[in-house]
Amino acid sequence: MVKHIVAWKFKDFAESADKQHNLLKAKALLDSLVGKIAEIQTFETGLDVSQGDQSFDLVLYSEFASREALASYQKHEEHMRVFW
C-alpha cells in the first residue's frame, strides 16, 4: 500500500476569486475524482480549521495499492483535468 499526502496553501485572492471560494472549488474538484479513477482506494480531503501559521489550507490523504497504481492515478485524464 502507498499513502499519498498533499498539502496546499492558497493565496488570499487568485483566479478572480477569494481564498474561500477557491478552497471550496478545489476541494469539490478533488472529491469528484472518487469513483472516476479505479486506482483510488482511500481518498479524503480536508480544509484547515485551526488556521495557524504553520497549517495548510487544504490537505489530500489518499491510498493506492502500489506505486504503479499511484502513477496511473497521476496520469489519469480526470486527474489531469483537476491539476492542469
N, C-alpha and C. Protein backbone atom coordinates (compact mmCIF):
# COMPACT_ATOMS: atom_id res chain seq x y z
N MET A 1 0.83 -1.17 0.00
CA MET A 1 0.00 0.00 0.00
C MET A 1 0.88 1.25 0.00
N VAL A 2 0.46 2.26 -0.75
CA VAL A 2 1.15 3.54 -0.82
C VAL A 2 0.20 4.62 -0.31
N LYS A 3 0.68 5.38 0.65
CA LYS A 3 -0.09 6.51 1.16
C LYS A 3 0.45 7.76 0.50
N HIS A 4 -0.45 8.58 -0.01
CA HIS A 4 -0.08 9.78 -0.76
C HIS A 4 -0.74 10.98 -0.07
N ILE A 5 0.08 11.91 0.41
CA ILE A 5 -0.42 13.07 1.14
C ILE A 5 0.09 14.34 0.46
N VAL A 6 -0.84 15.25 0.19
CA VAL A 6 -0.50 16.52 -0.44
C VAL A 6 -1.16 17.63 0.37
N ALA A 7 -0.43 18.73 0.57
CA ALA A 7 -0.97 19.87 1.32
C ALA A 7 -0.72 21.15 0.53
N TRP A 8 -1.70 22.04 0.52
CA TRP A 8 -1.60 23.29 -0.23
C TRP A 8 -1.87 24.48 0.67
N LYS A 9 -1.20 25.58 0.35
CA LYS A 9 -1.51 26.90 0.91
C LYS A 9 -2.04 27.73 -0.25
N PHE A 10 -3.15 28.40 -0.04
CA PHE A 10 -3.77 29.21 -1.08
C PHE A 10 -3.50 30.69 -0.86
N LYS A 11 -3.45 31.42 -1.94
CA LYS A 11 -3.34 32.87 -1.87
C LYS A 11 -4.69 33.45 -1.43
N ASP A 12 -4.66 34.64 -0.86
CA ASP A 12 -5.90 35.28 -0.42
C ASP A 12 -6.82 35.59 -1.59
N PHE A 13 -6.25 35.80 -2.76
CA PHE A 13 -7.04 36.10 -3.95
C PHE A 13 -6.30 35.56 -5.17
N ALA A 14 -6.99 34.79 -6.01
CA ALA A 14 -6.40 34.25 -7.24
C ALA A 14 -7.51 33.85 -8.20
N GLU A 15 -7.22 33.89 -9.48
CA GLU A 15 -8.18 33.48 -10.50
C GLU A 15 -9.51 34.24 -10.35
N SER A 16 -9.43 35.51 -10.01
CA SER A 16 -10.60 36.39 -9.86
C SER A 16 -11.54 35.96 -8.74
N ALA A 17 -11.04 35.26 -7.74
CA ALA A 17 -11.88 34.80 -6.64
C ALA A 17 -11.11 34.85 -5.32
N ASP A 18 -11.85 34.90 -4.22
CA ASP A 18 -11.19 34.92 -2.92
C ASP A 18 -10.78 33.51 -2.49
N LYS A 19 -9.99 33.47 -1.44
CA LYS A 19 -9.43 32.21 -0.95
C LYS A 19 -10.50 31.18 -0.62
N GLN A 20 -11.54 31.57 0.08
CA GLN A 20 -12.58 30.63 0.49
C GLN A 20 -13.26 29.99 -0.73
N HIS A 21 -13.56 30.81 -1.72
CA HIS A 21 -14.18 30.29 -2.95
C HIS A 21 -13.25 29.27 -3.62
N ASN A 22 -11.98 29.63 -3.74
CA ASN A 22 -11.01 28.74 -4.40
C ASN A 22 -10.79 27.45 -3.61
N LEU A 23 -10.78 27.54 -2.29
CA LEU A 23 -10.65 26.34 -1.46
C LEU A 23 -11.82 25.39 -1.69
N LEU A 24 -13.02 25.92 -1.65
CA LEU A 24 -14.21 25.07 -1.84
C LEU A 24 -14.25 24.46 -3.23
N LYS A 25 -13.84 25.25 -4.22
CA LYS A 25 -13.80 24.75 -5.60
C LYS A 25 -12.77 23.63 -5.73
N ALA A 26 -11.58 23.84 -5.19
CA ALA A 26 -10.53 22.82 -5.26
C ALA A 26 -10.94 21.54 -4.54
N LYS A 27 -11.54 21.69 -3.37
CA LYS A 27 -12.00 20.52 -2.61
C LYS A 27 -13.04 19.74 -3.42
N ALA A 28 -13.98 20.44 -4.01
CA ALA A 28 -15.03 19.79 -4.81
C ALA A 28 -14.43 19.07 -6.02
N LEU A 29 -13.48 19.70 -6.68
CA LEU A 29 -12.83 19.06 -7.83
C LEU A 29 -12.09 17.80 -7.41
N LEU A 30 -11.36 17.88 -6.32
CA LEU A 30 -10.66 16.69 -5.82
C LEU A 30 -11.65 15.59 -5.44
N ASP A 31 -12.65 15.95 -4.67
CA ASP A 31 -13.64 14.95 -4.23
C ASP A 31 -14.35 14.29 -5.41
N SER A 32 -14.46 15.02 -6.52
CA SER A 32 -15.15 14.46 -7.69
C SER A 32 -14.37 13.32 -8.35
N LEU A 33 -13.10 13.17 -8.00
CA LEU A 33 -12.29 12.10 -8.59
C LEU A 33 -12.66 10.71 -8.07
N VAL A 34 -13.24 10.66 -6.88
CA VAL A 34 -13.64 9.37 -6.31
C VAL A 34 -14.73 8.76 -7.19
N GLY A 35 -14.53 7.52 -7.57
CA GLY A 35 -15.47 6.83 -8.44
C GLY A 35 -15.14 6.96 -9.91
N LYS A 36 -14.27 7.91 -10.25
CA LYS A 36 -13.87 8.09 -11.64
C LYS A 36 -12.53 7.41 -11.94
N ILE A 37 -11.73 7.20 -10.90
CA ILE A 37 -10.40 6.62 -11.08
C ILE A 37 -10.31 5.36 -10.24
N ALA A 38 -10.26 4.23 -10.89
CA ALA A 38 -10.34 2.92 -10.22
C ALA A 38 -9.20 2.68 -9.23
N GLU A 39 -8.05 3.28 -9.46
CA GLU A 39 -6.89 3.03 -8.60
C GLU A 39 -7.04 3.61 -7.19
N ILE A 40 -7.95 4.55 -7.01
CA ILE A 40 -8.14 5.18 -5.70
C ILE A 40 -8.76 4.17 -4.74
N GLN A 41 -8.08 3.91 -3.63
CA GLN A 41 -8.63 3.04 -2.59
C GLN A 41 -9.22 3.86 -1.44
N THR A 42 -8.50 4.87 -1.02
CA THR A 42 -8.96 5.79 0.03
C THR A 42 -8.65 7.19 -0.46
N PHE A 43 -9.56 8.12 -0.20
CA PHE A 43 -9.39 9.49 -0.70
C PHE A 43 -10.14 10.43 0.21
N GLU A 44 -9.41 11.26 0.95
CA GLU A 44 -10.04 12.21 1.87
C GLU A 44 -9.42 13.58 1.67
N THR A 45 -10.27 14.60 1.63
CA THR A 45 -9.78 15.97 1.59
C THR A 45 -10.25 16.67 2.85
N GLY A 46 -9.49 17.65 3.29
CA GLY A 46 -9.86 18.39 4.47
C GLY A 46 -9.41 19.83 4.38
N LEU A 47 -10.27 20.71 4.90
CA LEU A 47 -9.95 22.14 4.97
C LEU A 47 -9.42 22.46 6.36
N ASP A 48 -8.52 23.40 6.44
CA ASP A 48 -7.90 23.81 7.70
C ASP A 48 -8.95 24.44 8.62
N VAL A 49 -9.01 23.97 9.85
CA VAL A 49 -9.91 24.56 10.85
C VAL A 49 -9.16 25.35 11.90
N SER A 50 -7.86 25.11 12.05
CA SER A 50 -7.08 25.80 13.08
C SER A 50 -6.57 27.16 12.60
N GLN A 51 -6.30 27.25 11.31
CA GLN A 51 -5.79 28.47 10.69
C GLN A 51 -4.58 29.03 11.40
N GLY A 52 -3.69 28.14 11.84
CA GLY A 52 -2.44 28.54 12.47
C GLY A 52 -1.41 28.92 11.44
N ASP A 53 -0.34 29.55 11.89
CA ASP A 53 0.71 29.99 10.97
C ASP A 53 1.38 28.82 10.24
N GLN A 54 1.44 27.67 10.87
CA GLN A 54 2.12 26.52 10.29
C GLN A 54 1.18 25.56 9.55
N SER A 55 -0.11 25.83 9.58
CA SER A 55 -1.05 24.90 8.96
C SER A 55 -1.23 25.18 7.47
N PHE A 56 -1.74 24.19 6.77
CA PHE A 56 -2.04 24.30 5.36
C PHE A 56 -3.54 24.52 5.18
N ASP A 57 -3.93 25.04 4.04
CA ASP A 57 -5.33 25.36 3.78
C ASP A 57 -6.16 24.15 3.35
N LEU A 58 -5.56 23.27 2.58
CA LEU A 58 -6.25 22.10 2.04
C LEU A 58 -5.28 20.93 2.04
N VAL A 59 -5.77 19.77 2.47
CA VAL A 59 -4.93 18.58 2.51
C VAL A 59 -5.67 17.43 1.83
N LEU A 60 -4.91 16.62 1.10
CA LEU A 60 -5.42 15.40 0.49
C LEU A 60 -4.67 14.22 1.08
N TYR A 61 -5.42 13.24 1.56
CA TYR A 61 -4.86 11.98 2.02
C TYR A 61 -5.46 10.90 1.14
N SER A 62 -4.61 10.10 0.51
CA SER A 62 -5.11 9.04 -0.35
C SER A 62 -4.25 7.79 -0.23
N GLU A 63 -4.82 6.66 -0.59
CA GLU A 63 -4.12 5.38 -0.55
C GLU A 63 -4.32 4.66 -1.88
N PHE A 64 -3.22 3.99 -2.28
CA PHE A 64 -3.21 3.23 -3.53
C PHE A 64 -2.54 1.88 -3.27
N ALA A 65 -2.88 0.89 -4.05
CA ALA A 65 -2.36 -0.46 -3.85
C ALA A 65 -0.85 -0.54 -4.06
N SER A 66 -0.32 0.30 -4.92
CA SER A 66 1.11 0.22 -5.26
C SER A 66 1.58 1.55 -5.84
N ARG A 67 2.87 1.65 -6.04
CA ARG A 67 3.42 2.84 -6.70
C ARG A 67 2.92 2.95 -8.13
N GLU A 68 2.74 1.81 -8.76
CA GLU A 68 2.22 1.79 -10.12
C GLU A 68 0.79 2.32 -10.17
N ALA A 69 -0.01 1.96 -9.17
CA ALA A 69 -1.38 2.46 -9.11
C ALA A 69 -1.39 3.97 -8.88
N LEU A 70 -0.51 4.47 -8.03
CA LEU A 70 -0.38 5.91 -7.82
C LEU A 70 0.02 6.60 -9.12
N ALA A 71 0.98 6.05 -9.81
CA ALA A 71 1.43 6.65 -11.08
C ALA A 71 0.30 6.66 -12.11
N SER A 72 -0.48 5.60 -12.14
CA SER A 72 -1.61 5.54 -13.06
C SER A 72 -2.64 6.61 -12.72
N TYR A 73 -2.93 6.78 -11.44
CA TYR A 73 -3.84 7.84 -10.97
C TYR A 73 -3.33 9.21 -11.41
N GLN A 74 -2.05 9.45 -11.22
CA GLN A 74 -1.48 10.76 -11.53
C GLN A 74 -1.52 11.07 -13.03
N LYS A 75 -1.51 10.05 -13.87
CA LYS A 75 -1.57 10.23 -15.32
C LYS A 75 -3.00 10.17 -15.87
N HIS A 76 -3.95 9.79 -15.03
CA HIS A 76 -5.33 9.63 -15.47
C HIS A 76 -5.89 10.96 -15.98
N GLU A 77 -6.68 10.92 -17.05
CA GLU A 77 -7.20 12.15 -17.65
C GLU A 77 -8.07 12.96 -16.69
N GLU A 78 -8.81 12.31 -15.80
CA GLU A 78 -9.63 13.03 -14.83
C GLU A 78 -8.75 13.78 -13.82
N HIS A 79 -7.67 13.15 -13.40
CA HIS A 79 -6.73 13.81 -12.50
C HIS A 79 -6.08 15.01 -13.20
N MET A 80 -5.72 14.81 -14.46
CA MET A 80 -5.08 15.89 -15.22
C MET A 80 -6.02 17.09 -15.39
N ARG A 81 -7.31 16.84 -15.50
CA ARG A 81 -8.28 17.95 -15.62
C ARG A 81 -8.32 18.80 -14.37
N VAL A 82 -8.15 18.17 -13.23
CA VAL A 82 -8.16 18.90 -11.95
C VAL A 82 -6.88 19.70 -11.78
N PHE A 83 -5.75 19.13 -12.13
CA PHE A 83 -4.47 19.73 -11.81
C PHE A 83 -3.80 20.47 -12.96
N TRP A 84 -4.29 20.35 -14.16
CA TRP A 84 -3.64 21.05 -15.26
C TRP A 84 -4.68 21.76 -16.04
